[in-house]
């Protein structure tokens, strides 16, 4: 298999920068070359500051892919699945490029972000820049542990990385990002028992609630979606909290071998089950952005840069 980008299956970090960009010129070859140089930037900082556990990801937007890599199309690449059901909305805000930078040092994340931005500056406009951070022992700002169902070890590669089913793009990954804004004042007015009922997990130790307390509308039940063969849809969750004293939430990132994993789970959350039991966490955590990308293998990016 072609070498996946290091950041796809990297272990969690303390800090992250998520950068979303649109390309404003038509110098596609220059962009291809500079994406390869960004990989070199990631590698340089990883070598120079190995203790920081640097990793990075470059994703190319579904709407931009054919401009930068004409004639080569990942088998399942599709736009972000814009959804609405009543007042629940998962909006699409398409972007051309997604740059994810993670490390255990905030200064290193910033230095890489600045170098990458300056490298691309003449070709792009900045759509959004979000700085994520590890909160306590890997919790969301709601106080609950995030990504507790993530696959571990080599299973991460099976879930997150394209294999032989699409040989031209083996080593790549389908990425979906969303920025969720939390209504923390409303959330914090709930009792711990009410919060646990919404999440379907115990707040202290993340263990599932007893069956008698589980609601089909709880967050973790709505995440449990099976494919036609009865196997659970899975993606690798790389989300991190973000925010200041006023605006805060979760920057959600999923990496998967197929975009169906994200789409089916989001459908379950927004539309709910046959009785309309949607994810009740959406009453307190509202998605404000959404975009779909493909992160090709590092070898693909370097090969295409050579023209």
C-alpha atoms as a PDB file:
ATOM      1  CA  UNK A   1       0.000   0.000   0.000  1.00  0.00           C
ATOM      2  CA  UNK A   2       1.137   3.564  -0.673  1.00  0.00           C
ATOM      3  CA  UNK A   3       2.275   5.433   2.407  1.00  0.00           C
ATOM      4  CA  UNK A   4      -0.611   7.232   4.157  1.00  0.00           C
ATOM      5  CA  UNK A   5       0.010  10.728   5.407  1.00  0.00           C
ATOM      6  CA  UNK A   6       1.379  10.484   8.929  1.00  0.00           C
ATOM      7  CA  UNK A   7      -1.388  12.510  10.531  1.00  0.00           C
ATOM      8  CA  UNK A   8      -4.194  10.187   9.445  1.00  0.00           C
ATOM      9  CA  UNK A   9      -3.590   7.536  12.098  1.00  0.00           C
ATOM     10  CA  UNK A  10      -1.347   9.488  14.484  1.00  0.00           C
ATOM     11  CA  UNK A  11      -1.872   9.217  18.224  1.00  0.00           C
ATOM     12  CA  UNK A  12      -3.754  12.085  19.929  1.00  0.00           C
ATOM     13  CA  UNK A  13      -1.839  15.295  20.630  1.00  0.00           C
ATOM     14  CA  UNK A  14      -2.120  18.219  23.029  1.00  0.00           C
ATOM     15  CA  UNK A  15      -2.566  20.925  20.370  1.00  0.00           C
ATOM     16  CA  UNK A  16      -3.895  21.287  16.836  1.00  0.00           C
ATOM     17  CA  UNK A  17      -4.367  23.899  14.129  1.00  0.00           C
ATOM     18  CA  UNK A  18      -7.100  23.309  11.564  1.00  0.00           C
ATOM     19  CA  UNK A  19      -6.748  25.527   8.488  1.00  0.00           C
ATOM     20  CA  UNK A  20      -9.344  25.718   5.690  1.00  0.00           C
ATOM     21  CA  UNK A  21      -8.438  27.510   2.480  1.00  0.00           C
ATOM     22  CA  UNK A  22      -9.831  28.372  -0.938  1.00  0.00           C
ATOM     23  CA  UNK A  23      -7.556  28.640  -3.974  1.00  0.00           C
ATOM     24  CA  UNK A  24      -7.919  31.949  -5.839  1.00  0.00           C
ATOM     25  CA  UNK A  25      -5.699  31.424  -8.896  1.00  0.00           C
ATOM     26  CA  UNK A  26      -5.346  28.790 -11.608  1.00  0.00           C
ATOM     27  CA  UNK A  27      -1.665  27.927 -11.192  1.00  0.00           C
ATOM     28  CA  UNK A  28      -2.438  24.285 -10.496  1.00  0.00           C
ATOM     29  CA  UNK A  29       1.118  23.051 -10.966  1.00  0.00           C
ATOM     30  CA  UNK A  30       2.386  25.528  -8.372  1.00  0.00           C
ATOM     31  CA  UNK A  31      -0.214  24.253  -5.904  1.00  0.00           C
ATOM     32  CA  UNK A  32       0.750  20.639  -6.590  1.00  0.00           C
ATOM     33  CA  UNK A  33       4.402  21.453  -5.951  1.00  0.00           C
ATOM     34  CA  UNK A  34       3.666  23.400  -2.790  1.00  0.00           C
ATOM     35  CA  UNK A  35       1.505  20.649  -1.324  1.00  0.00           C
ATOM     36  CA  UNK A  36       4.516  18.359  -1.650  1.00  0.00           C
ATOM     37  CA  UNK A  37       6.654  21.006   0.044  1.00  0.00           C
ATOM     38  CA  UNK A  38       4.170  21.123   2.932  1.00  0.00           C
ATOM     39  CA  UNK A  39       4.844  17.441   3.510  1.00  0.00           C
ATOM     40  CA  UNK A  40       8.521  18.359   3.720  1.00  0.00           C
ATOM     41  CA  UNK A  41       7.683  21.062   6.283  1.00  0.00           C
ATOM     42  CA  UNK A  42       5.860  18.496   8.429  1.00  0.00           C
ATOM     43  CA  UNK A  43       8.804  16.112   8.176  1.00  0.00           C
ATOM     44  CA  UNK A  44      11.360  18.803   8.998  1.00  0.00           C
ATOM     45  CA  UNK A  45       9.611  19.845  12.208  1.00  0.00           C
ATOM     46  CA  UNK A  46       9.030  16.229  13.153  1.00  0.00           C
ATOM     47  CA  UNK A  47      12.755  15.528  12.808  1.00  0.00           C
ATOM     48  CA  UNK A  48      13.891  18.732  14.526  1.00  0.00           C
ATOM     49  CA  UNK A  49      11.393  18.500  17.383  1.00  0.00           C
ATOM     50  CA  UNK A  50      10.777  14.789  17.739  1.00  0.00           C
ATOM     51  CA  UNK A  51       9.577  15.216  21.328  1.00  0.00           C
ATOM     52  CA  UNK A  52       6.605  17.244  20.049  1.00  0.00           C
ATOM     53  CA  UNK A  53       5.151  14.285  18.098  1.00  0.00           C
ATOM     54  CA  UNK A  54       4.414  16.420  15.037  1.00  0.00           C
ATOM     55  CA  UNK A  55       1.965  15.164  12.435  1.00  0.00           C
ATOM     56  CA  UNK A  56       0.057  16.754   9.607  1.00  0.00           C
ATOM     57  CA  UNK A  57      -2.625  16.097   7.000  1.00  0.00           C
ATOM     58  CA  UNK A  58      -3.329  17.682   3.627  1.00  0.00           C
ATOM     59  CA  UNK A  59      -6.861  17.232   2.319  1.00  0.00           C
ATOM     60  CA  UNK A  60      -8.147  18.293  -1.093  1.00  0.00           C
ATOM     61  CA  UNK A  61     -11.764  19.412  -1.294  1.00  0.00           C
ATOM     62  CA  UNK A  62     -14.284  17.373  -3.241  1.00  0.00           C
ATOM     63  CA  UNK A  63     -15.177  20.396  -5.397  1.00  0.00           C
ATOM     64  CA  UNK A  64     -11.537  21.264  -6.091  1.00  0.00           C
ATOM     65  CA  UNK A  65     -10.103  17.820  -6.738  1.00  0.00           C
ATOM     66  CA  UNK A  66     -10.593  17.715 -10.522  1.00  0.00           C
ATOM     67  CA  UNK A  67      -8.917  21.101 -10.921  1.00  0.00           C
ATOM     68  CA  UNK A  68      -5.696  20.150  -9.194  1.00  0.00           C
ATOM     69  CA  UNK A  69      -5.606  16.463 -10.189  1.00  0.00           C
ATOM     70  CA  UNK A  70      -7.587  16.235 -13.455  1.00  0.00           C
ATOM     71  CA  UNK A  71      -8.401  12.772 -14.722  1.00  0.00           C
ATOM     72  CA  UNK A  72      -7.718  11.099 -11.374  1.00  0.00           C
ATOM     73  CA  UNK A  73     -10.736  10.684  -9.113  1.00  0.00           C
ATOM     74  CA  UNK A  74     -11.034   8.720  -5.866  1.00  0.00           C
ATOM     75  CA  UNK A  75     -13.785   6.161  -6.321  1.00  0.00           C
ATOM     76  CA  UNK A  76     -16.157   7.495  -3.632  1.00  0.00           C
ATOM     77  CA  UNK A  77     -15.280  11.189  -3.484  1.00  0.00           C
ATOM     78  CA  UNK A  78     -18.444  13.270  -3.057  1.00  0.00           C
ATOM     79  CA  UNK A  79     -19.462  16.671  -1.676  1.00  0.00           C
ATOM     80  CA  UNK A  80     -20.288  17.079   1.986  1.00  0.00           C
ATOM     81  CA  UNK A  81     -23.755  15.598   2.648  1.00  0.00           C
ATOM     82  CA  UNK A  82     -25.678  18.786   3.449  1.00  0.00           C
ATOM     83  CA  UNK A  83     -28.596  17.701   5.669  1.00  0.00           C
ATOM     84  CA  UNK A  84     -31.629  19.312   7.283  1.00  0.00           C
ATOM     85  CA  UNK A  85     -34.498  17.883   9.296  1.00  0.00           C
ATOM     86  CA  UNK A  86     -36.719  20.441  10.957  1.00  0.00           C
ATOM     87  CA  UNK A  87     -34.500  22.777  12.951  1.00  0.00           C
ATOM     88  CA  UNK A  88     -31.532  20.397  12.793  1.00  0.00           C
ATOM     89  CA  UNK A  89     -29.035  21.349  10.103  1.00  0.00           C
ATOM     90  CA  UNK A  90     -25.657  19.971   9.094  1.00  0.00           C
ATOM     91  CA  UNK A  91     -24.564  22.752   6.720  1.00  0.00           C
ATOM     92  CA  UNK A  92     -21.990  22.432   3.963  1.00  0.00           C
ATOM     93  CA  UNK A  93     -19.288  25.105   3.637  1.00  0.00           C
ATOM     94  CA  UNK A  94     -17.070  23.742   0.834  1.00  0.00           C
ATOM     95  CA  UNK A  95     -13.339  24.498   0.925  1.00  0.00           C
ATOM     96  CA  UNK A  96     -10.558  23.688  -1.518  1.00  0.00           C
ATOM     97  CA  UNK A  97      -7.811  22.714   0.904  1.00  0.00           C
ATOM     98  CA  UNK A  98      -7.685  21.409   4.463  1.00  0.00           C
ATOM     99  CA  UNK A  99      -4.468  21.530   6.461  1.00  0.00           C
ATOM    100  CA  UNK A 100      -4.335  19.771   9.824  1.00  0.00           C
ATOM    101  CA  UNK A 101      -1.337  20.320  12.093  1.00  0.00           C
ATOM    102  CA  UNK A 102      -0.961  18.557  15.437  1.00  0.00           C
ATOM    103  CA  UNK A 103       1.798  18.435  18.040  1.00  0.00           C
ATOM    104  CA  UNK A 104       2.394  18.318  21.770  1.00  0.00           C
ATOM    105  CA  UNK A 105       3.794  21.862  21.698  1.00  0.00           C
ATOM    106  CA  UNK A 106       1.628  24.884  20.938  1.00  0.00           C
ATOM    107  CA  UNK A 107       4.584  26.892  19.616  1.00  0.00           C
ATOM    108  CA  UNK A 108       5.516  24.203  17.113  1.00  0.00           C
ATOM    109  CA  UNK A 109       1.932  24.014  15.841  1.00  0.00           C
ATOM    110  CA  UNK A 110       1.957  27.774  15.357  1.00  0.00           C
ATOM    111  CA  UNK A 111       5.334  27.807  13.629  1.00  0.00           C
ATOM    112  CA  UNK A 112       4.232  25.130  11.159  1.00  0.00           C
ATOM    113  CA  UNK A 113       0.918  26.871  10.498  1.00  0.00           C
ATOM    114  CA  UNK A 114       2.681  30.136   9.721  1.00  0.00           C
ATOM    115  CA  UNK A 115       5.193  28.465   7.424  1.00  0.00           C
ATOM    116  CA  UNK A 116       2.462  26.614   5.544  1.00  0.00           C
ATOM    117  CA  UNK A 117       0.317  29.743   5.246  1.00  0.00           C
ATOM    118  CA  UNK A 118       3.209  31.825   3.954  1.00  0.00           C
ATOM    119  CA  UNK A 119       4.063  29.126   1.435  1.00  0.00           C
ATOM    120  CA  UNK A 120       0.532  29.219   0.021  1.00  0.00           C
ATOM    121  CA  UNK A 121      -0.286  32.866   0.699  1.00  0.00           C
ATOM    122  CA  UNK A 122      -0.183  34.134  -2.918  1.00  0.00           C
ATOM    123  CA  UNK A 123      -2.564  31.395  -4.088  1.00  0.00           C
ATOM    124  CA  UNK A 124      -5.234  31.236  -1.400  1.00  0.00           C
ATOM    125  CA  UNK A 125      -7.717  32.972   0.843  1.00  0.00           C
ATOM    126  CA  UNK A 126      -8.198  31.885   4.428  1.00  0.00           C
ATOM    127  CA  UNK A 127     -11.694  30.577   5.163  1.00  0.00           C
ATOM    128  CA  UNK A 128     -11.241  29.422   8.736  1.00  0.00           C
ATOM    129  CA  UNK A 129      -8.453  28.817  11.247  1.00  0.00           C
ATOM    130  CA  UNK A 130      -9.367  26.906  14.414  1.00  0.00           C
ATOM    131  CA  UNK A 131      -6.972  26.033  17.210  1.00  0.00           C
ATOM    132  CA  UNK A 132      -7.801  22.840  19.068  1.00  0.00           C
ATOM    133  CA  UNK A 133      -6.484  21.624  22.397  1.00  0.00           C
ATOM    134  CA  UNK A 134      -6.601  18.568  24.601  1.00  0.00           C
ATOM    135  CA  UNK A 135      -8.996  19.143  27.502  1.00  0.00           C
ATOM    136  CA  UNK A 136      -8.282  17.368  30.777  1.00  0.00           C
ATOM    137  CA  UNK A 137      -7.955  13.622  30.132  1.00  0.00           C
ATOM    138  CA  UNK A 138      -9.214  13.698  26.543  1.00  0.00           C
ATOM    139  CA  UNK A 139     -12.668  15.146  27.178  1.00  0.00           C
ATOM    140  CA  UNK A 140     -14.941  17.423  25.231  1.00  0.00           C
ATOM    141  CA  UNK A 141     -15.963  20.708  26.855  1.00  0.00           C
ATOM    142  CA  UNK A 142     -19.217  18.976  27.792  1.00  0.00           C
ATOM    143  CA  UNK A 143     -17.113  17.015  30.278  1.00  0.00           C
ATOM    144  CA  UNK A 144     -17.466  13.674  28.504  1.00  0.00           C
ATOM    145  CA  UNK A 145     -14.606  11.678  26.978  1.00  0.00           C
ATOM    146  CA  UNK A 146     -14.367  12.090  23.193  1.00  0.00           C
ATOM    147  CA  UNK A 147     -13.801   9.356  20.609  1.00  0.00           C
ATOM    148  CA  UNK A 148     -14.020   6.579  23.178  1.00  0.00           C
ATOM    149  CA  UNK A 149     -15.058   4.115  20.471  1.00  0.00           C
ATOM    150  CA  UNK A 150     -12.051   4.817  18.264  1.00  0.00           C
ATOM    151  CA  UNK A 151     -10.291   1.764  16.811  1.00  0.00           C
ATOM    152  CA  UNK A 152      -6.856   1.071  18.245  1.00  0.00           C
ATOM    153  CA  UNK A 153      -3.532  -0.229  16.967  1.00  0.00           C
ATOM    154  CA  UNK A 154      -3.416  -1.481  13.391  1.00  0.00           C
ATOM    155  CA  UNK A 155      -7.223  -1.521  13.301  1.00  0.00           C
ATOM    156  CA  UNK A 156      -6.996   2.251  12.803  1.00  0.00           C
ATOM    157  CA  UNK A 157      -5.478   1.720   9.358  1.00  0.00           C
ATOM    158  CA  UNK A 158      -8.240  -0.714   8.349  1.00  0.00           C
ATOM    159  CA  UNK A 159     -10.873   1.848   9.318  1.00  0.00           C
ATOM    160  CA  UNK A 160      -9.228   5.083   8.165  1.00  0.00           C
ATOM    161  CA  UNK A 161      -7.140   4.216   5.101  1.00  0.00           C
ATOM    162  CA  UNK A 162      -8.228   3.207   1.586  1.00  0.00           C
ATOM    163  CA  UNK A 163      -6.943  -0.218   0.598  1.00  0.00           C
ATOM    164  CA  UNK A 164      -6.958  -2.376  -2.505  1.00  0.00           C
ATOM    165  CA  UNK A 165     -10.591  -1.595  -3.301  1.00  0.00           C
ATOM    166  CA  UNK A 166      -9.327   1.582  -5.035  1.00  0.00           C
ATOM    167  CA  UNK A 167      -5.713   0.792  -5.984  1.00  0.00           C
ATOM    168  CA  UNK A 168      -5.014   4.169  -7.606  1.00  0.00           C
ATOM    169  CA  UNK A 169      -5.740   5.836  -4.267  1.00  0.00           C
ATOM    170  CA  UNK A 170      -4.586   3.220  -1.780  1.00  0.00           C
ATOM    171  CA  UNK A 171      -3.130   4.914   1.278  1.00  0.00           C
ATOM    172  CA  UNK A 172      -5.563   7.822   1.072  1.00  0.00           C
ATOM    173  CA  UNK A 173      -8.370   8.724   3.448  1.00  0.00           C
ATOM    174  CA  UNK A 174     -11.807  10.340   3.172  1.00  0.00           C
ATOM    175  CA  UNK A 175     -12.022  13.257   5.585  1.00  0.00           C
ATOM    176  CA  UNK A 176     -15.066  15.134   6.837  1.00  0.00           C
ATOM    177  CA  UNK A 177     -14.808  18.141   9.102  1.00  0.00           C
ATOM    178  CA  UNK A 178     -17.437  20.065  11.045  1.00  0.00           C
ATOM    179  CA  UNK A 179     -17.168  22.854  13.566  1.00  0.00           C
ATOM    180  CA  UNK A 180     -19.716  22.428  16.334  1.00  0.00           C
ATOM    181  CA  UNK A 181     -20.625  25.321  18.623  1.00  0.00           C
ATOM    182  CA  UNK A 182     -21.660  24.275  22.119  1.00  0.00           C
ATOM    183  CA  UNK A 183     -24.336  26.024  24.162  1.00  0.00           C
ATOM    184  CA  UNK A 184     -22.392  25.460  27.361  1.00  0.00           C
ATOM    185  CA  UNK A 185     -24.573  27.679  29.601  1.00  0.00           C
ATOM    186  CA  UNK A 186     -27.624  25.555  28.710  1.00  0.00           C
ATOM    187  CA  UNK A 187     -25.623  22.323  29.036  1.00  0.00           C
ATOM    188  CA  UNK A 188     -24.277  23.273  32.437  1.00  0.00           C
ATOM    189  CA  UNK A 189     -27.778  23.952  33.751  1.00  0.00           C
ATOM    190  CA  UNK A 190     -28.521  20.244  33.326  1.00  0.00           C
ATOM    191  CA  UNK A 191     -27.870  17.814  36.139  1.00  0.00           C
ATOM    192  CA  UNK A 192     -25.167  15.194  35.660  1.00  0.00           C
ATOM    193  CA  UNK A 193     -27.911  12.561  35.398  1.00  0.00           C
ATOM    194  CA  UNK A 194     -29.595  14.519  32.588  1.00  0.00           C
ATOM    195  CA  UNK A 195     -26.290  14.960  30.767  1.00  0.00           C
ATOM    196  CA  UNK A 196     -25.575  11.246  31.057  1.00  0.00           C
ATOM    197  CA  UNK A 197     -29.011  10.411  29.631  1.00  0.00           C
ATOM    198  CA  UNK A 198     -28.287  12.610  26.612  1.00  0.00           C
ATOM    199  CA  UNK A 199     -24.853  11.055  26.072  1.00  0.00           C
ATOM    200  CA  UNK A 200     -25.709   7.454  26.953  1.00  0.00           C
ATOM    201  CA  UNK A 201     -22.505   7.173  29.008  1.00  0.00           C
ATOM    202  CA  UNK A 202     -21.431   7.801  32.567  1.00  0.00           C
ATOM    203  CA  UNK A 203     -19.606  11.087  32.870  1.00  0.00           C
ATOM    204  CA  UNK A 204     -16.967   9.922  35.308  1.00  0.00           C
ATOM    205  CA  UNK A 205     -15.653   6.805  33.585  1.00  0.00           C
ATOM    206  CA  UNK A 206     -17.335   6.716  30.133  1.00  0.00           C
ATOM    207  CA  UNK A 207     -19.012   3.367  30.775  1.00  0.00           C
ATOM    208  CA  UNK A 208     -22.333   2.763  28.979  1.00  0.00           C
ATOM    209  CA  UNK A 209     -25.471   3.405  30.994  1.00  0.00           C
ATOM    210  CA  UNK A 210     -27.575   0.485  32.135  1.00  0.00           C
ATOM    211  CA  UNK A 211     -30.046  -0.635  29.486  1.00  0.00           C
ATOM    212  CA  UNK A 212     -32.944   0.747  31.526  1.00  0.00           C
ATOM    213  CA  UNK A 213     -31.473   4.270  31.247  1.00  0.00           C
ATOM    214  CA  UNK A 214     -30.488   4.103  27.580  1.00  0.00           C
ATOM    215  CA  UNK A 215     -32.634   6.142  25.222  1.00  0.00           C
ATOM    216  CA  UNK A 216     -32.673   5.637  21.431  1.00  0.00           C
ATOM    217  CA  UNK A 217     -32.085   9.395  21.247  1.00  0.00           C
ATOM    218  CA  UNK A 218     -28.858   9.349  23.258  1.00  0.00           C
ATOM    219  CA  UNK A 219     -25.685  10.364  21.470  1.00  0.00           C
ATOM    220  CA  UNK A 220     -23.872   7.040  21.600  1.00  0.00           C
ATOM    221  CA  UNK A 221     -26.917   5.070  20.420  1.00  0.00           C
ATOM    222  CA  UNK A 222     -27.247   7.359  17.390  1.00  0.00           C
ATOM    223  CA  UNK A 223     -23.572   6.745  16.601  1.00  0.00           C
ATOM    224  CA  UNK A 224     -24.172   3.001  16.428  1.00  0.00           C
ATOM    225  CA  UNK A 225     -25.106   2.401  12.788  1.00  0.00           C
ATOM    226  CA  UNK A 226     -24.662  -0.849  10.887  1.00  0.00           C
ATOM    227  CA  UNK A 227     -23.978  -1.493   7.216  1.00  0.00           C
ATOM    228  CA  UNK A 228     -26.200  -3.844   5.147  1.00  0.00           C
ATOM    229  CA  UNK A 229     -24.123  -6.825   6.336  1.00  0.00           C
ATOM    230  CA  UNK A 230     -24.693  -5.994   9.990  1.00  0.00           C
ATOM    231  CA  UNK A 231     -21.219  -4.608  10.652  1.00  0.00           C
ATOM    232  CA  UNK A 232     -20.864  -1.221  12.397  1.00  0.00           C
ATOM    233  CA  UNK A 233     -19.885   1.733  10.272  1.00  0.00           C
ATOM    234  CA  UNK A 234     -16.626   3.074  11.669  1.00  0.00           C
ATOM    235  CA  UNK A 235     -14.390   6.075  11.190  1.00  0.00           C
ATOM    236  CA  UNK A 236     -11.354   7.350  13.061  1.00  0.00           C
ATOM    237  CA  UNK A 237     -12.387  10.368  15.135  1.00  0.00           C
ATOM    238  CA  UNK A 238      -9.645  13.030  15.340  1.00  0.00           C
ATOM    239  CA  UNK A 239     -11.791  15.729  16.963  1.00  0.00           C
ATOM    240  CA  UNK A 240     -10.556  18.268  19.529  1.00  0.00           C
ATOM    241  CA  UNK A 241     -12.196  21.034  21.569  1.00  0.00           C
ATOM    242  CA  UNK A 242     -11.632  24.680  20.680  1.00  0.00           C
ATOM    243  CA  UNK A 243     -12.713  27.996  22.087  1.00  0.00           C
ATOM    244  CA  UNK A 244     -12.365  31.034  24.276  1.00  0.00           C
ATOM    245  CA  UNK A 245     -14.475  32.410  27.129  1.00  0.00           C
ATOM    246  CA  UNK A 246     -17.422  33.150  24.835  1.00  0.00           C
ATOM    247  CA  UNK A 247     -17.386  30.892  21.760  1.00  0.00           C
ATOM    248  CA  UNK A 248     -16.409  27.264  22.136  1.00  0.00           C
ATOM    249  CA  UNK A 249     -17.192  23.801  20.902  1.00  0.00           C
ATOM    250  CA  UNK A 250     -15.713  20.842  19.087  1.00  0.00           C
ATOM    251  CA  UNK A 251     -13.822  20.754  15.809  1.00  0.00           C
ATOM    252  CA  UNK A 252     -14.888  17.381  14.460  1.00  0.00           C
ATOM    253  CA  UNK A 253     -12.635  15.424  12.097  1.00  0.00           C
ATOM    254  CA  UNK A 254     -13.352  11.939  10.755  1.00  0.00           C
ATOM    255  CA  UNK A 255     -10.947   9.852   8.670  1.00  0.00           C
ATOM    256  CA  UNK A 256     -12.330   6.800   6.903  1.00  0.00           C
ATOM    257  CA  UNK A 257     -11.675   4.270   4.165  1.00  0.00           C
ATOM    258  CA  UNK A 258     -15.143   5.072   2.811  1.00  0.00           C
ATOM    259  CA  UNK A 259     -17.203   8.278   3.131  1.00  0.00           C
ATOM    260  CA  UNK A 260     -20.307   6.160   3.750  1.00  0.00           C
ATOM    261  CA  UNK A 261     -19.216   5.696   7.357  1.00  0.00           C
ATOM    262  CA  UNK A 262     -19.535   9.413   8.116  1.00  0.00           C
ATOM    263  CA  UNK A 263     -22.652   9.921   5.976  1.00  0.00           C
ATOM    264  CA  UNK A 264     -24.576   7.049   7.586  1.00  0.00           C
ATOM    265  CA  UNK A 265     -23.715   8.172  11.118  1.00  0.00           C
ATOM    266  CA  UNK A 266     -24.605  11.800  10.407  1.00  0.00           C
ATOM    267  CA  UNK A 267     -27.924  10.682   8.897  1.00  0.00           C
ATOM    268  CA  UNK A 268     -28.651   8.727  12.072  1.00  0.00           C
ATOM    269  CA  UNK A 269     -27.885  11.776  14.194  1.00  0.00           C
ATOM    270  CA  UNK A 270     -29.837  14.343  12.158  1.00  0.00           C
ATOM    271  CA  UNK A 271     -32.854  12.317  10.994  1.00  0.00           C
ATOM    272  CA  UNK A 272     -32.953   9.751  13.773  1.00  0.00           C
ATOM    273  CA  UNK A 273     -34.551   6.331  13.724  1.00  0.00           C
ATOM    274  CA  UNK A 274     -37.909   5.320  12.252  1.00  0.00           C
ATOM    275  CA  UNK A 275     -39.708   6.954  15.158  1.00  0.00           C
ATOM    276  CA  UNK A 276     -37.810  10.232  14.782  1.00  0.00           C
ATOM    277  CA  UNK A 277     -35.480   9.756  17.741  1.00  0.00           C
ATOM    278  CA  UNK A 278     -32.607  12.032  16.689  1.00  0.00           C
ATOM    279  CA  UNK A 279     -29.359  12.678  18.569  1.00  0.00           C
ATOM    280  CA  UNK A 280     -30.449  14.800  21.541  1.00  0.00           C
ATOM    281  CA  UNK A 281     -26.910  16.193  21.909  1.00  0.00           C
ATOM    282  CA  UNK A 282     -27.711  18.319  18.842  1.00  0.00           C
ATOM    283  CA  UNK A 283     -29.966  20.424  21.069  1.00  0.00           C
ATOM    284  CA  UNK A 284     -26.801  21.653  22.813  1.00  0.00           C
ATOM    285  CA  UNK A 285     -24.075  21.257  20.164  1.00  0.00           C
ATOM    286  CA  UNK A 286     -24.866  22.837  16.805  1.00  0.00           C
ATOM    287  CA  UNK A 287     -22.875  22.169  13.614  1.00  0.00           C
ATOM    288  CA  UNK A 288     -22.014  25.433  11.880  1.00  0.00           C
ATOM    289  CA  UNK A 289     -19.699  24.214   9.099  1.00  0.00           C
ATOM    290  CA  UNK A 290     -19.090  21.054   7.099  1.00  0.00           C
ATOM    291  CA  UNK A 291     -16.699  20.071   4.312  1.00  0.00           C
ATOM    292  CA  UNK A 292     -15.506  16.894   2.579  1.00  0.00           C
ATOM    293  CA  UNK A 293     -11.941  16.188   1.513  1.00  0.00           C
ATOM    294  CA  UNK A 294      -9.714  13.395   0.287  1.00  0.00           C
ATOM    295  CA  UNK A 295      -6.249  13.117   1.794  1.00  0.00           C
ATOM    296  CA  UNK A 296      -4.205  11.213  -0.795  1.00  0.00           C
ATOM    297  CA  UNK A 297      -1.165   9.217   0.180  1.00  0.00           C
ATOM    298  CA  UNK A 298       2.099  11.068   0.691  1.00  0.00           C
ATOM    299  CA  UNK A 299       3.559   9.253  -2.304  1.00  0.00           C
ATOM    300  CA  UNK A 300       0.647  10.389  -4.510  1.00  0.00           C
ATOM    301  CA  UNK A 301       1.176  14.040  -3.551  1.00  0.00           C
ATOM    302  CA  UNK A 302       4.909  13.853  -4.239  1.00  0.00           C
ATOM    303  CA  UNK A 303       4.436  11.981  -7.515  1.00  0.00           C
ATOM    304  CA  UNK A 304       1.881  14.489  -8.838  1.00  0.00           C
ATOM    305  CA  UNK A 305       4.155  17.403  -7.871  1.00  0.00           C
ATOM    306  CA  UNK A 306       6.740  16.148 -10.326  1.00  0.00           C
ATOM    307  CA  UNK A 307       4.269  16.628 -13.149  1.00  0.00           C
END
